[in-house]
Amino acid sequence: MAKKVSNKQIIFKDYIQGFPKESDMILKTSIIKLKVPDNCNNAVLVKNLYLSCDPYMRSRMSKIDDNYVPIFTPSEPMSGEGVAKVVDSSHPDFRKGDLVTAITGWEEYTLIKSTQTHFIRKIHHTNVPLSYYIGILGMPGMTAYTGFYELSKPQQGDMVFVSAASGAVGQLVGQFAKLSGCYVVGSAGTKDKVDLLKTKFGFNDAFNYKEETDLNAALKRCFPQGIDIYFDNVGGEMLDAVLPNMKLNGRIATCGMISQYNLKQGEGVRNLLCIMAKQIRMQGFLVYHYRHLYPKLFDLVAPLLEEGEIAYVEDVAEGLERAPAALIGLFSGRNVGKQLVRVASD
């Protein structure tokens, strides 16, 4: 008979408006058998090791028509990118002991019934921390690679601005820009993060947007000749200030708009005329449509990691019970680097 174990879970309470709270998520414990049920063909049971906290998850907490990501189901476990170890499998491509990345539940154990919808993939290279597979070698890495290389098409000498630059994606965009021979400036929300951008990630310059009374003036100070590429993680007031500071034929990769996620009514942007007048190309993207590019990301980043030519900073919350606080912290800038939760040891 299959062994039964307790399974801690983070349950989504109900749909919300405004700023999320820890109380919107509930810690519960269920019981699970460490065996794939006999009636589940091609299923995989995994033990979760790391879970990813990402800003886009806020959109999954509200009942929005035509949402760009599937919303959470009230009274069910939350879910997101994770690193896990296979406990049992009825799928021919996966066996006990395999390390994988997948869309997993916010719980200790997850039964993955559809390997396609959960995007499960084996981890073959374990010479880097496993957590990197939901960071620099995972969705944030793919996001940075896609938005910068595929959409922004950098040229040597380009002037690059990155908002939310110390986060999971921004820290990589800045380093990709430097590797491409660009001049790069980042914005962040604390002095320590600004220092990190310049000392750890090699940004040419950085500023604390909370200390700037005039964002337009701050950008003119950093980019007297204008901006070629803006990698936008925040939207709102920062985007509005960037537009008149863009160069002719500038490119904007719209990755996220974290300044807007918790607002009941989104902020308007006044300087849209600049898109026409300066012939700016502004493009939004969803990284899931670019999964086929993953080999390119790996081939670029893996050697850089091995040679110590790229840095990656993580902010690790210990234990599943700390997942709600870790997620909420993203929206107040509490995290430094990629926010993740360690559920169990490697």
C-alpha atoms as a PDB file:
ATOM      1  CA  MET A   1       0.000   0.000   0.000  1.00  0.00           C
ATOM      2  CA  ALA A   2       1.230   3.482  -0.906  1.00  0.00           C
ATOM      3  CA  LYS A   3       2.543   5.585   1.949  1.00  0.00           C
ATOM      4  CA  LYS A   4       0.361   8.506   3.046  1.00  0.00           C
ATOM      5  CA  VAL A   5       1.912  11.790   4.133  1.00  0.00           C
ATOM      6  CA  SER A   6       0.687  15.225   5.144  1.00  0.00           C
ATOM      7  CA  ASN A   7       0.691  17.862   2.406  1.00  0.00           C
ATOM      8  CA  LYS A   8       0.805  21.518   3.432  1.00  0.00           C
ATOM      9  CA  GLN A   9      -0.934  23.779   0.911  1.00  0.00           C
ATOM     10  CA  ILE A  10      -1.397  27.510   0.349  1.00  0.00           C
ATOM     11  CA  ILE A  11      -5.089  27.923  -0.501  1.00  0.00           C
ATOM     12  CA  PHE A  12      -6.420  30.916  -2.418  1.00  0.00           C
ATOM     13  CA  LYS A  13      -9.269  32.319  -0.349  1.00  0.00           C
ATOM     14  CA  ASP A  14     -11.275  34.415  -2.833  1.00  0.00           C
ATOM     15  CA  TYR A  15     -10.989  37.033  -5.561  1.00  0.00           C
ATOM     16  CA  ILE A  16      -9.701  40.427  -4.468  1.00  0.00           C
ATOM     17  CA  GLN A  17      -9.560  44.077  -5.446  1.00  0.00           C
ATOM     18  CA  GLY A  18      -6.754  46.444  -4.552  1.00  0.00           C
ATOM     19  CA  PHE A  19      -3.608  45.493  -2.689  1.00  0.00           C
ATOM     20  CA  PRO A  20      -3.339  41.776  -1.772  1.00  0.00           C
ATOM     21  CA  LYS A  21      -2.948  40.692   1.856  1.00  0.00           C
ATOM     22  CA  GLU A  22      -1.462  37.614   3.476  1.00  0.00           C
ATOM     23  CA  SER A  23      -4.945  36.777   4.762  1.00  0.00           C
ATOM     24  CA  ASP A  24      -6.072  36.290   1.124  1.00  0.00           C
ATOM     25  CA  MET A  25      -4.103  33.026   1.321  1.00  0.00           C
ATOM     26  CA  ILE A  26      -4.638  30.254   3.864  1.00  0.00           C
ATOM     27  CA  LEU A  27      -2.243  27.539   5.022  1.00  0.00           C
ATOM     28  CA  LYS A  28      -3.973  24.160   5.201  1.00  0.00           C
ATOM     29  CA  THR A  29      -2.818  20.566   5.534  1.00  0.00           C
ATOM     30  CA  SER A  30      -4.241  17.649   3.564  1.00  0.00           C
ATOM     31  CA  ILE A  31      -3.228  13.994   3.157  1.00  0.00           C
ATOM     32  CA  ILE A  32      -1.759  12.594  -0.043  1.00  0.00           C
ATOM     33  CA  LYS A  33      -0.646   9.121  -1.190  1.00  0.00           C
ATOM     34  CA  LEU A  34       2.888   9.004  -2.560  1.00  0.00           C
ATOM     35  CA  LYS A  35       1.704   7.130  -5.632  1.00  0.00           C
ATOM     36  CA  VAL A  36       0.068   8.151  -8.885  1.00  0.00           C
ATOM     37  CA  PRO A  37      -3.564   6.892  -8.833  1.00  0.00           C
ATOM     38  CA  ASP A  38      -4.188   3.855 -11.016  1.00  0.00           C
ATOM     39  CA  ASN A  39      -6.682   5.758 -13.159  1.00  0.00           C
ATOM     40  CA  CYS A  40      -4.183   8.549 -14.004  1.00  0.00           C
ATOM     41  CA  ASN A  41      -2.289   7.756 -17.177  1.00  0.00           C
ATOM     42  CA  ASN A  42       0.802   9.798 -18.073  1.00  0.00           C
ATOM     43  CA  ALA A  43       0.727  11.574 -14.714  1.00  0.00           C
ATOM     44  CA  VAL A  44       3.621  12.621 -12.480  1.00  0.00           C
ATOM     45  CA  LEU A  45       3.658  13.062  -8.694  1.00  0.00           C
ATOM     46  CA  VAL A  46       6.326  15.497  -7.529  1.00  0.00           C
ATOM     47  CA  LYS A  47       7.778  16.771  -4.278  1.00  0.00           C
ATOM     48  CA  ASN A  48       8.205  20.528  -4.570  1.00  0.00           C
ATOM     49  CA  LEU A  49      11.609  21.955  -3.690  1.00  0.00           C
ATOM     50  CA  TYR A  50      11.332  25.612  -4.785  1.00  0.00           C
ATOM     51  CA  LEU A  51       8.388  27.815  -5.725  1.00  0.00           C
ATOM     52  CA  SER A  52       8.580  31.065  -7.661  1.00  0.00           C
ATOM     53  CA  CYS A  53       6.914  34.311  -6.552  1.00  0.00           C
ATOM     54  CA  ASP A  54       6.182  36.557  -9.519  1.00  0.00           C
ATOM     55  CA  PRO A  55       4.329  39.870  -9.959  1.00  0.00           C
ATOM     56  CA  TYR A  56       2.045  38.448 -12.667  1.00  0.00           C
ATOM     57  CA  MET A  57       0.435  36.257 -10.000  1.00  0.00           C
ATOM     58  CA  ARG A  58      -1.434  39.347  -8.764  1.00  0.00           C
ATOM     59  CA  SER A  59      -3.488  39.253 -11.977  1.00  0.00           C
ATOM     60  CA  ARG A  60      -4.510  35.692 -11.155  1.00  0.00           C
ATOM     61  CA  MET A  61      -6.080  36.844  -7.879  1.00  0.00           C
ATOM     62  CA  SER A  62      -8.821  38.950  -9.517  1.00  0.00           C
ATOM     63  CA  LYS A  63     -11.786  37.855 -11.601  1.00  0.00           C
ATOM     64  CA  ILE A  64     -10.962  39.712 -14.807  1.00  0.00           C
ATOM     65  CA  ASP A  65     -12.587  39.032 -18.176  1.00  0.00           C
ATOM     66  CA  ASP A  66     -10.085  38.025 -20.856  1.00  0.00           C
ATOM     67  CA  ASN A  67      -7.220  37.806 -18.361  1.00  0.00           C
ATOM     68  CA  TYR A  68      -3.918  37.030 -20.039  1.00  0.00           C
ATOM     69  CA  VAL A  69      -3.188  34.247 -17.529  1.00  0.00           C
ATOM     70  CA  PRO A  70      -5.547  31.666 -15.955  1.00  0.00           C
ATOM     71  CA  ILE A  71      -6.976  32.991 -12.701  1.00  0.00           C
ATOM     72  CA  PHE A  72      -6.751  31.114  -9.407  1.00  0.00           C
ATOM     73  CA  THR A  73      -9.724  29.080  -8.215  1.00  0.00           C
ATOM     74  CA  PRO A  74     -11.046  30.026  -4.759  1.00  0.00           C
ATOM     75  CA  SER A  75     -10.594  27.314  -2.101  1.00  0.00           C
ATOM     76  CA  GLU A  76      -7.953  25.577  -4.261  1.00  0.00           C
ATOM     77  CA  PRO A  77      -4.141  25.629  -3.962  1.00  0.00           C
ATOM     78  CA  MET A  78      -2.348  28.466  -5.712  1.00  0.00           C
ATOM     79  CA  SER A  79       0.142  27.539  -8.417  1.00  0.00           C
ATOM     80  CA  GLY A  80       3.186  28.822 -10.242  1.00  0.00           C
ATOM     81  CA  GLU A  81       6.612  27.914 -11.567  1.00  0.00           C
ATOM     82  CA  GLY A  82       8.483  25.420  -9.428  1.00  0.00           C
ATOM     83  CA  VAL A  83      11.432  23.052  -9.160  1.00  0.00           C
ATOM     84  CA  ALA A  84      10.531  19.558  -7.983  1.00  0.00           C
ATOM     85  CA  LYS A  85      11.658  15.955  -7.665  1.00  0.00           C
ATOM     86  CA  VAL A  86       9.602  13.108  -9.139  1.00  0.00           C
ATOM     87  CA  VAL A  87       8.190  10.797  -6.448  1.00  0.00           C
ATOM     88  CA  ASP A  88       6.150   8.522  -8.739  1.00  0.00           C
ATOM     89  CA  SER A  89       5.219   8.508 -12.409  1.00  0.00           C
ATOM     90  CA  SER A  90       2.968   6.754 -14.903  1.00  0.00           C
ATOM     91  CA  HIS A  91       4.465   8.827 -17.727  1.00  0.00           C
ATOM     92  CA  PRO A  92       7.089   7.089 -19.902  1.00  0.00           C
ATOM     93  CA  ASP A  93       9.314  10.179 -20.057  1.00  0.00           C
ATOM     94  CA  PHE A  94       9.639  10.692 -16.302  1.00  0.00           C
ATOM     95  CA  ARG A  95      10.752   8.380 -13.517  1.00  0.00           C
ATOM     96  CA  LYS A  96      11.269   8.499  -9.780  1.00  0.00           C
ATOM     97  CA  GLY A  97      14.179  10.719  -8.784  1.00  0.00           C
ATOM     98  CA  ASP A  98      14.087  12.963 -11.861  1.00  0.00           C
ATOM     99  CA  LEU A  99      14.495  16.673 -11.188  1.00  0.00           C
ATOM    100  CA  VAL A 100      12.029  18.824 -13.119  1.00  0.00           C
ATOM    101  CA  THR A 101      10.650  22.313 -13.580  1.00  0.00           C
ATOM    102  CA  ALA A 102       6.907  22.675 -13.991  1.00  0.00           C
ATOM    103  CA  ILE A 103       3.806  24.646 -13.100  1.00  0.00           C
ATOM    104  CA  THR A 104       3.223  23.173  -9.655  1.00  0.00           C
ATOM    105  CA  GLY A 105       0.841  23.783  -6.787  1.00  0.00           C
ATOM    106  CA  TRP A 106       1.806  25.934  -3.824  1.00  0.00           C
ATOM    107  CA  GLU A 107       2.043  22.800  -1.719  1.00  0.00           C
ATOM    108  CA  GLU A 108       4.556  20.181  -0.626  1.00  0.00           C
ATOM    109  CA  TYR A 109       3.421  17.570  -3.178  1.00  0.00           C
ATOM    110  CA  THR A 110       1.643  18.057  -6.510  1.00  0.00           C
ATOM    111  CA  LEU A 111      -0.010  15.499  -8.775  1.00  0.00           C
ATOM    112  CA  ILE A 112       0.561  16.673 -12.349  1.00  0.00           C
ATOM    113  CA  LYS A 113      -2.091  15.060 -14.519  1.00  0.00           C
ATOM    114  CA  SER A 114      -1.204  16.897 -17.734  1.00  0.00           C
ATOM    115  CA  THR A 115       2.477  17.301 -18.491  1.00  0.00           C
ATOM    116  CA  GLN A 116       1.647  19.609 -21.421  1.00  0.00           C
ATOM    117  CA  THR A 117      -0.438  22.189 -19.564  1.00  0.00           C
ATOM    118  CA  HIS A 118       2.007  22.140 -16.644  1.00  0.00           C
ATOM    119  CA  PHE A 119       5.019  22.616 -18.970  1.00  0.00           C
ATOM    120  CA  ILE A 120       7.042  19.959 -17.150  1.00  0.00           C
ATOM    121  CA  ARG A 121      10.665  19.703 -18.259  1.00  0.00           C
ATOM    122  CA  LYS A 122      13.583  17.615 -17.002  1.00  0.00           C
ATOM    123  CA  ILE A 123      16.614  19.290 -15.456  1.00  0.00           C
ATOM    124  CA  HIS A 124      19.713  17.746 -16.984  1.00  0.00           C
ATOM    125  CA  HIS A 125      22.423  20.075 -15.705  1.00  0.00           C
ATOM    126  CA  THR A 126      22.844  20.205 -11.934  1.00  0.00           C
ATOM    127  CA  ASN A 127      26.152  22.095 -11.785  1.00  0.00           C
ATOM    128  CA  VAL A 128      24.194  25.264 -10.899  1.00  0.00           C
ATOM    129  CA  PRO A 129      21.787  25.811  -7.986  1.00  0.00           C
ATOM    130  CA  LEU A 130      18.445  24.135  -8.712  1.00  0.00           C
ATOM    131  CA  SER A 131      16.674  27.379  -7.838  1.00  0.00           C
ATOM    132  CA  TYR A 132      18.222  28.954 -10.946  1.00  0.00           C
ATOM    133  CA  TYR A 133      15.756  26.939 -13.040  1.00  0.00           C
ATOM    134  CA  ILE A 134      12.947  29.240 -11.891  1.00  0.00           C
ATOM    135  CA  GLY A 135      15.244  32.249 -12.147  1.00  0.00           C
ATOM    136  CA  ILE A 136      18.086  32.987 -14.508  1.00  0.00           C
ATOM    137  CA  LEU A 137      17.549  29.654 -16.326  1.00  0.00           C
ATOM    138  CA  GLY A 138      13.768  29.822 -16.034  1.00  0.00           C
ATOM    139  CA  MET A 139      10.902  32.190 -16.768  1.00  0.00           C
ATOM    140  CA  PRO A 140      12.701  35.392 -15.622  1.00  0.00           C
ATOM    141  CA  GLY A 141      15.713  34.517 -17.757  1.00  0.00           C
ATOM    142  CA  MET A 142      13.493  33.798 -20.756  1.00  0.00           C
ATOM    143  CA  THR A 143      11.655  37.073 -20.175  1.00  0.00           C
ATOM    144  CA  ALA A 144      14.870  39.093 -20.095  1.00  0.00           C
ATOM    145  CA  TYR A 145      16.262  37.276 -23.148  1.00  0.00           C
ATOM    146  CA  THR A 146      13.085  37.640 -25.190  1.00  0.00           C
ATOM    147  CA  GLY A 147      12.384  41.274 -24.389  1.00  0.00           C
ATOM    148  CA  PHE A 148      15.945  42.416 -24.850  1.00  0.00           C
ATOM    149  CA  TYR A 149      17.397  40.331 -27.665  1.00  0.00           C
ATOM    150  CA  GLU A 150      14.358  39.284 -29.680  1.00  0.00           C
ATOM    151  CA  LEU A 151      12.224  42.422 -29.393  1.00  0.00           C
ATOM    152  CA  SER A 152      14.613  45.291 -28.634  1.00  0.00           C
ATOM    153  CA  LYS A 153      17.342  44.191 -31.074  1.00  0.00           C
ATOM    154  CA  PRO A 154      20.256  45.900 -29.276  1.00  0.00           C
ATOM    155  CA  GLN A 155      23.143  47.462 -31.132  1.00  0.00           C
ATOM    156  CA  GLN A 156      26.549  48.229 -29.678  1.00  0.00           C
ATOM    157  CA  GLY A 157      26.508  51.700 -28.133  1.00  0.00           C
ATOM    158  CA  ASP A 158      22.739  51.778 -27.529  1.00  0.00           C
ATOM    159  CA  MET A 159      21.489  53.708 -24.516  1.00  0.00           C
ATOM    160  CA  VAL A 160      19.373  51.348 -22.392  1.00  0.00           C
ATOM    161  CA  PHE A 161      17.078  52.114 -19.466  1.00  0.00           C
ATOM    162  CA  VAL A 162      15.650  49.383 -17.200  1.00  0.00           C
ATOM    163  CA  SER A 163      12.969  50.029 -14.568  1.00  0.00           C
ATOM    164  CA  ALA A 164      12.607  47.770 -11.509  1.00  0.00           C
ATOM    165  CA  ALA A 165      16.175  46.925 -12.404  1.00  0.00           C
ATOM    166  CA  SER A 166      17.137  44.933  -9.293  1.00  0.00           C
ATOM    167  CA  GLY A 167      14.307  42.421  -9.715  1.00  0.00           C
ATOM    168  CA  ALA A 168      14.329  38.934 -11.177  1.00  0.00           C
ATOM    169  CA  VAL A 169      14.225  40.176 -14.786  1.00  0.00           C
ATOM    170  CA  GLY A 170      15.766  43.645 -14.587  1.00  0.00           C
ATOM    171  CA  GLN A 171      19.087  42.499 -13.146  1.00  0.00           C
ATOM    172  CA  LEU A 172      19.539  40.228 -16.183  1.00  0.00           C
ATOM    173  CA  VAL A 173      18.481  42.797 -18.770  1.00  0.00           C
ATOM    174  CA  GLY A 174      21.117  45.182 -17.441  1.00  0.00           C
ATOM    175  CA  GLN A 175      23.835  42.564 -17.672  1.00  0.00           C
ATOM    176  CA  PHE A 176      22.721  41.463 -21.149  1.00  0.00           C
ATOM    177  CA  ALA A 177      22.950  45.123 -22.178  1.00  0.00           C
ATOM    178  CA  LYS A 178      26.505  45.418 -20.876  1.00  0.00           C
ATOM    179  CA  LEU A 179      27.487  42.198 -22.652  1.00  0.00           C
ATOM    180  CA  SER A 180      26.095  43.739 -25.859  1.00  0.00           C
ATOM    181  CA  GLY A 181      28.247  46.846 -25.519  1.00  0.00           C
ATOM    182  CA  CYS A 182      25.423  49.143 -24.425  1.00  0.00           C
ATOM    183  CA  TYR A 183      25.307  51.942 -21.851  1.00  0.00           C
ATOM    184  CA  VAL A 184      22.729  50.964 -19.230  1.00  0.00           C
ATOM    185  CA  VAL A 185      20.977  52.805 -16.409  1.00  0.00           C
ATOM    186  CA  GLY A 186      18.533  51.271 -13.952  1.00  0.00           C
ATOM    187  CA  SER A 187      15.967  52.522 -11.467  1.00  0.00           C
ATOM    188  CA  ALA A 188      15.170  50.927  -8.114  1.00  0.00           C
ATOM    189  CA  GLY A 189      13.420  51.850  -4.886  1.00  0.00           C
ATOM    190  CA  THR A 190      16.168  51.887  -2.222  1.00  0.00           C
ATOM    191  CA  LYS A 191      19.750  53.087  -1.888  1.00  0.00           C
ATOM    192  CA  ASP A 192      20.951  49.523  -1.297  1.00  0.00           C
ATOM    193  CA  LYS A 193      19.325  48.360  -4.530  1.00  0.00           C
ATOM    194  CA  VAL A 194      20.841  51.262  -6.441  1.00  0.00           C
ATOM    195  CA  ASP A 195      24.272  50.347  -5.066  1.00  0.00           C
ATOM    196  CA  LEU A 196      23.671  46.704  -6.030  1.00  0.00           C
ATOM    197  CA  LEU A 197      22.940  47.690  -9.614  1.00  0.00           C
ATOM    198  CA  LYS A 198      26.226  49.537  -9.934  1.00  0.00           C
ATOM    199  CA  THR A 199      28.519  47.260  -7.930  1.00  0.00           C
ATOM    200  CA  LYS A 200      27.111  43.752  -8.472  1.00  0.00           C
ATOM    201  CA  PHE A 201      25.453  43.940 -11.883  1.00  0.00           C
ATOM    202  CA  GLY A 202      27.705  46.496 -13.573  1.00  0.00           C
ATOM    203  CA  PHE A 203      25.128  49.116 -14.531  1.00  0.00           C
ATOM    204  CA  ASN A 204      26.779  52.332 -15.695  1.00  0.00           C
ATOM    205  CA  ASP A 205      24.444  54.359 -13.502  1.00  0.00           C
ATOM    206  CA  ALA A 206      21.286  53.998 -11.407  1.00  0.00           C
ATOM    207  CA  PHE A 207      18.872  56.128  -9.405  1.00  0.00           C
ATOM    208  CA  ASN A 208      16.312  55.737  -6.635  1.00  0.00           C
ATOM    209  CA  TYR A 209      13.013  56.740  -8.226  1.00  0.00           C
ATOM    210  CA  LYS A 210      11.476  57.387  -4.795  1.00  0.00           C
ATOM    211  CA  GLU A 211      13.974  60.183  -4.180  1.00  0.00           C
ATOM    212  CA  GLU A 212      13.406  61.888  -7.539  1.00  0.00           C
ATOM    213  CA  THR A 213      10.858  64.701  -7.488  1.00  0.00           C
ATOM    214  CA  ASP A 214      10.901  64.906 -11.298  1.00  0.00           C
ATOM    215  CA  LEU A 215      11.369  61.634 -13.216  1.00  0.00           C
ATOM    216  CA  ASN A 216      11.643  63.452 -16.527  1.00  0.00           C
ATOM    217  CA  ALA A 217      14.561  65.496 -15.168  1.00  0.00           C
ATOM    218  CA  ALA A 218      16.195  62.358 -13.739  1.00  0.00           C
ATOM    219  CA  LEU A 219      16.066  60.659 -17.124  1.00  0.00           C
ATOM    220  CA  LYS A 220      17.425  63.732 -18.908  1.00  0.00           C
ATOM    221  CA  ARG A 221      20.296  63.761 -16.397  1.00  0.00           C
ATOM    222  CA  CYS A 222      21.105  60.104 -17.070  1.00  0.00           C
ATOM    223  CA  PHE A 223      20.453  60.202 -20.818  1.00  0.00           C
ATOM    224  CA  PRO A 224      21.244  63.692 -22.159  1.00  0.00           C
ATOM    225  CA  GLN A 225      21.220  62.283 -25.717  1.00  0.00           C
ATOM    226  CA  GLY A 226      18.095  60.159 -25.211  1.00  0.00           C
ATOM    227  CA  ILE A 227      17.179  56.490 -24.766  1.00  0.00           C
ATOM    228  CA  ASP A 228      17.403  53.832 -27.504  1.00  0.00           C
ATOM    229  CA  ILE A 229      15.864  50.938 -25.542  1.00  0.00           C
ATOM    230  CA  TYR A 230      13.513  51.024 -22.575  1.00  0.00           C
ATOM    231  CA  PHE A 231      12.796  47.717 -20.844  1.00  0.00           C
ATOM    232  CA  ASP A 232       9.585  48.515 -18.986  1.00  0.00           C
ATOM    233  CA  ASN A 233       8.715  46.584 -15.845  1.00  0.00           C
ATOM    234  CA  VAL A 234       6.561  49.200 -14.116  1.00  0.00           C
ATOM    235  CA  GLY A 235       4.401  51.248 -16.520  1.00  0.00           C
ATOM    236  CA  GLY A 236       2.512  54.265 -15.147  1.00  0.00           C
ATOM    237  CA  GLU A 237       4.356  57.435 -14.243  1.00  0.00           C
ATOM    238  CA  MET A 238       7.751  56.046 -15.227  1.00  0.00           C
ATOM    239  CA  LEU A 239       6.579  55.095 -18.708  1.00  0.00           C
ATOM    240  CA  ASP A 240       5.073  58.555 -19.135  1.00  0.00           C
ATOM    241  CA  ALA A 241       8.417  60.143 -18.228  1.00  0.00           C
ATOM    242  CA  VAL A 242      10.380  57.853 -20.536  1.00  0.00           C
ATOM    243  CA  LEU A 243       8.422  58.554 -23.712  1.00  0.00           C
ATOM    244  CA  PRO A 244       9.643  62.141 -24.305  1.00  0.00           C
ATOM    245  CA  ASN A 245      13.193  60.977 -23.517  1.00  0.00           C
ATOM    246  CA  MET A 246      13.242  58.283 -26.190  1.00  0.00           C
ATOM    247  CA  LYS A 247      15.390  58.718 -29.276  1.00  0.00           C
ATOM    248  CA  LEU A 248      14.045  58.613 -32.809  1.00  0.00           C
ATOM    249  CA  ASN A 249      13.212  54.987 -33.709  1.00  0.00           C
ATOM    250  CA  GLY A 250      13.579  53.919 -30.072  1.00  0.00           C
ATOM    251  CA  ARG A 251      12.306  50.546 -28.878  1.00  0.00           C
ATOM    252  CA  ILE A 252      10.242  49.798 -25.796  1.00  0.00           C
ATOM    253  CA  ALA A 253       9.777  46.220 -24.573  1.00  0.00           C
ATOM    254  CA  THR A 254       6.731  46.167 -22.300  1.00  0.00           C
ATOM    255  CA  CYS A 255       7.387  43.329 -19.874  1.00  0.00           C
ATOM    256  CA  GLY A 256       5.249  44.305 -16.887  1.00  0.00           C
ATOM    257  CA  MET A 257       3.382  47.147 -15.186  1.00  0.00           C
ATOM    258  CA  ILE A 258       3.751  46.438 -11.493  1.00  0.00           C
ATOM    259  CA  SER A 259       2.782  50.010 -10.601  1.00  0.00           C
ATOM    260  CA  GLN A 260      -0.713  49.305 -11.952  1.00  0.00           C
ATOM    261  CA  TYR A 261      -1.533  45.814 -10.677  1.00  0.00           C
ATOM    262  CA  ASN A 262      -3.145  46.861  -7.401  1.00  0.00           C
ATOM    263  CA  LEU A 263      -5.022  49.919  -8.673  1.00  0.00           C
ATOM    264  CA  LYS A 264      -8.792  49.785  -9.088  1.00  0.00           C
ATOM    265  CA  GLN A 265      -8.428  52.306 -11.916  1.00  0.00           C
ATOM    266  CA  GLY A 266      -5.244  52.288 -13.978  1.00  0.00           C
ATOM    267  CA  GLU A 267      -3.257  55.502 -14.466  1.00  0.00           C
ATOM    268  CA  GLY A 268      -3.376  57.218 -17.827  1.00  0.00           C
ATOM    269  CA  VAL A 269      -0.317  57.936 -19.975  1.00  0.00           C
ATOM    270  CA  ARG A 270      -0.210  61.481 -21.398  1.00  0.00           C
ATOM    271  CA  ASN A 271       2.835  61.378 -23.671  1.00  0.00           C
ATOM    272  CA  LEU A 272       1.632  58.826 -26.214  1.00  0.00           C
ATOM    273  CA  LEU A 273       2.085  61.342 -29.017  1.00  0.00           C
ATOM    274  CA  CYS A 274       5.825  60.688 -28.689  1.00  0.00           C
ATOM    275  CA  ILE A 275       5.311  57.166 -30.055  1.00  0.00           C
ATOM    276  CA  MET A 276       4.207  58.654 -33.359  1.00  0.00           C
ATOM    277  CA  ALA A 277       6.476  61.698 -33.427  1.00  0.00           C
ATOM    278  CA  LYS A 278       9.617  59.759 -32.537  1.00  0.00           C
ATOM    279  CA  GLN A 279       8.553  56.656 -34.511  1.00  0.00           C
ATOM    280  CA  ILE A 280       8.969  54.512 -31.395  1.00  0.00           C
ATOM    281  CA  ARG A 281       8.238  50.805 -31.555  1.00  0.00           C
ATOM    282  CA  MET A 282       6.545  49.716 -28.317  1.00  0.00           C
ATOM    283  CA  GLN A 283       5.704  46.024 -27.992  1.00  0.00           C
ATOM    284  CA  GLY A 284       4.228  43.976 -25.193  1.00  0.00           C
ATOM    285  CA  PHE A 285       4.959  40.275 -24.909  1.00  0.00           C
ATOM    286  CA  LEU A 286       4.066  37.157 -22.932  1.00  0.00           C
ATOM    287  CA  VAL A 287       7.065  34.930 -22.342  1.00  0.00           C
ATOM    288  CA  TYR A 288       5.040  31.723 -22.667  1.00  0.00           C
ATOM    289  CA  HIS A 289       4.804  32.336 -26.407  1.00  0.00           C
ATOM    290  CA  TYR A 290       8.586  32.208 -26.670  1.00  0.00           C
ATOM    291  CA  ARG A 291       9.338  28.905 -24.920  1.00  0.00           C
ATOM    292  CA  HIS A 292      10.893  27.597 -28.136  1.00  0.00           C
ATOM    293  CA  LEU A 293      13.775  30.007 -27.569  1.00  0.00           C
ATOM    294  CA  TYR A 294      14.842  28.310 -24.320  1.00  0.00           C
ATOM    295  CA  PRO A 295      17.874  26.553 -25.918  1.00  0.00           C
ATOM    296  CA  LYS A 296      19.174  29.980 -26.978  1.00  0.00           C
ATOM    297  CA  LEU A 297      18.889  31.278 -23.428  1.00  0.00           C
ATOM    298  CA  PHE A 298      20.639  28.228 -21.994  1.00  0.00           C
ATOM    299  CA  ASP A 299      23.446  28.360 -24.563  1.00  0.00           C
ATOM    300  CA  LEU A 300      24.032  32.034 -23.722  1.00  0.00           C
ATOM    301  CA  VAL A 301      23.737  31.954 -19.949  1.00  0.00           C
ATOM    302  CA  ALA A 302      25.188  28.575 -18.909  1.00  0.00           C
ATOM    303  CA  PRO A 303      28.758  29.383 -20.048  1.00  0.00           C
ATOM    304  CA  LEU A 304      28.519  32.855 -18.483  1.00  0.00           C
ATOM    305  CA  LEU A 305      27.533  31.309 -15.148  1.00  0.00           C
ATOM    306  CA  GLU A 306      30.335  28.781 -15.364  1.00  0.00           C
ATOM    307  CA  GLU A 307      32.889  31.502 -16.117  1.00  0.00           C
ATOM    308  CA  GLY A 308      31.530  33.860 -13.452  1.00  0.00           C
ATOM    309  CA  GLU A 309      30.720  36.535 -16.029  1.00  0.00           C
ATOM    310  CA  ILE A 310      27.102  37.000 -14.980  1.00  0.00           C
ATOM    311  CA  ALA A 311      25.624  37.434 -11.500  1.00  0.00           C
ATOM    312  CA  TYR A 312      22.216  36.501 -10.143  1.00  0.00           C
ATOM    313  CA  VAL A 313      20.786  37.529  -6.792  1.00  0.00           C
ATOM    314  CA  GLU A 314      17.990  35.586  -5.103  1.00  0.00           C
ATOM    315  CA  ASP A 315      15.790  36.397  -2.122  1.00  0.00           C
ATOM    316  CA  VAL A 316      14.844  33.072  -0.518  1.00  0.00           C
ATOM    317  CA  ALA A 317      11.970  32.641   1.928  1.00  0.00           C
ATOM    318  CA  GLU A 318      12.336  29.465   3.991  1.00  0.00           C
ATOM    319  CA  GLY A 319       9.271  27.231   4.273  1.00  0.00           C
ATOM    320  CA  LEU A 320       5.932  27.032   2.474  1.00  0.00           C
ATOM    321  CA  GLU A 321       4.197  28.940   5.275  1.00  0.00           C
ATOM    322  CA  ARG A 322       6.221  32.033   4.303  1.00  0.00           C
ATOM    323  CA  ALA A 323       5.039  32.011   0.700  1.00  0.00           C
ATOM    324  CA  PRO A 324       2.143  34.485   1.194  1.00  0.00           C
ATOM    325  CA  ALA A 325       4.396  37.095   2.826  1.00  0.00           C
ATOM    326  CA  ALA A 326       7.018  36.588   0.116  1.00  0.00           C
ATOM    327  CA  LEU A 327       4.455  37.187  -2.632  1.00  0.00           C
ATOM    328  CA  ILE A 328       2.975  40.274  -0.967  1.00  0.00           C
ATOM    329  CA  GLY A 329       6.477  41.692  -0.481  1.00  0.00           C
ATOM    330  CA  LEU A 330       6.945  41.969  -4.247  1.00  0.00           C
ATOM    331  CA  PHE A 331       4.462  44.838  -4.376  1.00  0.00           C
ATOM    332  CA  SER A 332       6.184  46.921  -1.719  1.00  0.00           C
ATOM    333  CA  GLY A 333       9.699  46.265  -3.007  1.00  0.00           C
ATOM    334  CA  ARG A 334      10.661  44.200   0.036  1.00  0.00           C
ATOM    335  CA  ASN A 335      12.569  41.632  -2.015  1.00  0.00           C
ATOM    336  CA  VAL A 336      16.094  42.073  -3.335  1.00  0.00           C
ATOM    337  CA  GLY A 337      16.534  40.038  -6.510  1.00  0.00           C
ATOM    338  CA  LYS A 338      14.516  37.018  -7.536  1.00  0.00           C
ATOM    339  CA  GLN A 339      11.926  36.102  -4.887  1.00  0.00           C
ATOM    340  CA  LEU A 340      11.434  32.395  -4.306  1.00  0.00           C
ATOM    341  CA  VAL A 341      10.351  30.000  -1.590  1.00  0.00           C
ATOM    342  CA  ARG A 342      12.344  26.955  -0.495  1.00  0.00           C
ATOM    343  CA  VAL A 343       9.794  24.255   0.358  1.00  0.00           C
ATOM    344  CA  ALA A 344      12.239  21.391   0.887  1.00  0.00           C
ATOM    345  CA  SER A 345      15.981  20.769   0.626  1.00  0.00           C
ATOM    346  CA  ASP A 346      17.531  19.677  -2.659  1.00  0.00           C
END
